[in-house]
């Protein structure tokens, strides 16, 4: 069994920060022209989702 998630203490402040970063990425992506910046938009959404997943883990006391 590979241990890719580590048990840590809850870090709610870091989780909140990641959520705010995620919201900013989504807001910024929504302002871009999808025909010109589709790759950047995709990357922003991907990073936003990754940040949200990390925030959930941190709020439960885990780190990936």
C-alpha atoms as a PDB file:
ATOM      1  CA  UNK A   1       0.000   0.000   0.000  1.00  0.00           C
ATOM      2  CA  UNK A   2       1.452   3.345  -1.044  1.00  0.00           C
ATOM      3  CA  UNK A   3       1.164   6.125   1.519  1.00  0.00           C
ATOM      4  CA  UNK A   4       0.479   9.193  -0.545  1.00  0.00           C
ATOM      5  CA  UNK A   5      -1.614  10.974   2.097  1.00  0.00           C
ATOM      6  CA  UNK A   6      -0.074  11.903   5.427  1.00  0.00           C
ATOM      7  CA  UNK A   7      -1.949  12.541   8.662  1.00  0.00           C
ATOM      8  CA  UNK A   8      -1.200  16.052   9.958  1.00  0.00           C
ATOM      9  CA  UNK A   9      -2.896  18.496  12.271  1.00  0.00           C
ATOM     10  CA  UNK A  10      -5.818  20.438  10.809  1.00  0.00           C
ATOM     11  CA  UNK A  11      -4.736  23.653   9.134  1.00  0.00           C
ATOM     12  CA  UNK A  12      -7.916  25.655   8.654  1.00  0.00           C
ATOM     13  CA  UNK A  13      -6.090  28.898   7.873  1.00  0.00           C
ATOM     14  CA  UNK A  14      -4.174  27.269   5.017  1.00  0.00           C
ATOM     15  CA  UNK A  15      -7.391  25.645   3.808  1.00  0.00           C
ATOM     16  CA  UNK A  16      -9.135  29.040   3.750  1.00  0.00           C
ATOM     17  CA  UNK A  17      -6.192  30.507   1.860  1.00  0.00           C
ATOM     18  CA  UNK A  18      -6.358  27.750  -0.740  1.00  0.00           C
ATOM     19  CA  UNK A  19     -10.092  28.320  -1.185  1.00  0.00           C
ATOM     20  CA  UNK A  20      -9.515  32.042  -1.758  1.00  0.00           C
ATOM     21  CA  UNK A  21      -6.759  31.259  -4.273  1.00  0.00           C
ATOM     22  CA  UNK A  22      -9.095  28.859  -6.020  1.00  0.00           C
ATOM     23  CA  UNK A  23     -11.828  31.484  -6.255  1.00  0.00           C
ATOM     24  CA  UNK A  24      -9.353  33.984  -7.711  1.00  0.00           C
ATOM     25  CA  UNK A  25      -8.193  31.485 -10.340  1.00  0.00           C
ATOM     26  CA  UNK A  26     -11.777  30.806 -11.399  1.00  0.00           C
ATOM     27  CA  UNK A  27     -12.625  34.512 -11.519  1.00  0.00           C
ATOM     28  CA  UNK A  28      -9.537  35.240 -13.609  1.00  0.00           C
ATOM     29  CA  UNK A  29     -10.273  32.337 -15.954  1.00  0.00           C
ATOM     30  CA  UNK A  30     -13.813  33.569 -16.498  1.00  0.00           C
ATOM     31  CA  UNK A  31     -12.473  36.914 -17.730  1.00  0.00           C
ATOM     32  CA  UNK A  32     -10.370  35.364 -20.496  1.00  0.00           C
ATOM     33  CA  UNK A  33     -11.452  34.797 -24.080  1.00  0.00           C
ATOM     34  CA  UNK A  34     -11.919  31.046 -24.443  1.00  0.00           C
ATOM     35  CA  UNK A  35     -10.957  31.167 -28.141  1.00  0.00           C
ATOM     36  CA  UNK A  36      -7.577  32.748 -27.409  1.00  0.00           C
ATOM     37  CA  UNK A  37      -6.708  31.360 -23.994  1.00  0.00           C
ATOM     38  CA  UNK A  38      -8.326  27.939 -23.761  1.00  0.00           C
ATOM     39  CA  UNK A  39      -5.158  26.291 -22.436  1.00  0.00           C
ATOM     40  CA  UNK A  40      -4.681  28.919 -19.708  1.00  0.00           C
ATOM     41  CA  UNK A  41      -8.358  28.669 -18.749  1.00  0.00           C
ATOM     42  CA  UNK A  42      -8.098  24.886 -18.472  1.00  0.00           C
ATOM     43  CA  UNK A  43      -4.943  25.169 -16.368  1.00  0.00           C
ATOM     44  CA  UNK A  44      -6.601  27.692 -14.042  1.00  0.00           C
ATOM     45  CA  UNK A  45      -9.629  25.456 -13.531  1.00  0.00           C
ATOM     46  CA  UNK A  46      -7.396  22.430 -12.954  1.00  0.00           C
ATOM     47  CA  UNK A  47      -5.298  24.302 -10.385  1.00  0.00           C
ATOM     48  CA  UNK A  48      -8.448  25.657  -8.720  1.00  0.00           C
ATOM     49  CA  UNK A  49      -9.846  22.134  -8.338  1.00  0.00           C
ATOM     50  CA  UNK A  50      -6.532  20.852  -7.036  1.00  0.00           C
ATOM     51  CA  UNK A  51      -6.439  23.686  -4.473  1.00  0.00           C
ATOM     52  CA  UNK A  52      -9.976  22.848  -3.359  1.00  0.00           C
ATOM     53  CA  UNK A  53      -9.061  19.184  -2.920  1.00  0.00           C
ATOM     54  CA  UNK A  54      -6.004  20.161  -0.894  1.00  0.00           C
ATOM     55  CA  UNK A  55      -8.177  22.485   1.237  1.00  0.00           C
ATOM     56  CA  UNK A  56     -10.559  19.629   2.002  1.00  0.00           C
ATOM     57  CA  UNK A  57      -7.675  17.369   2.984  1.00  0.00           C
ATOM     58  CA  UNK A  58      -6.110  20.018   5.225  1.00  0.00           C
ATOM     59  CA  UNK A  59      -9.411  20.759   6.947  1.00  0.00           C
ATOM     60  CA  UNK A  60      -9.687  17.037   7.772  1.00  0.00           C
ATOM     61  CA  UNK A  61      -6.081  16.788   8.949  1.00  0.00           C
ATOM     62  CA  UNK A  62      -4.418  15.246   5.897  1.00  0.00           C
ATOM     63  CA  UNK A  63      -1.780  16.339   3.407  1.00  0.00           C
ATOM     64  CA  UNK A  64      -1.186  14.850  -0.010  1.00  0.00           C
END
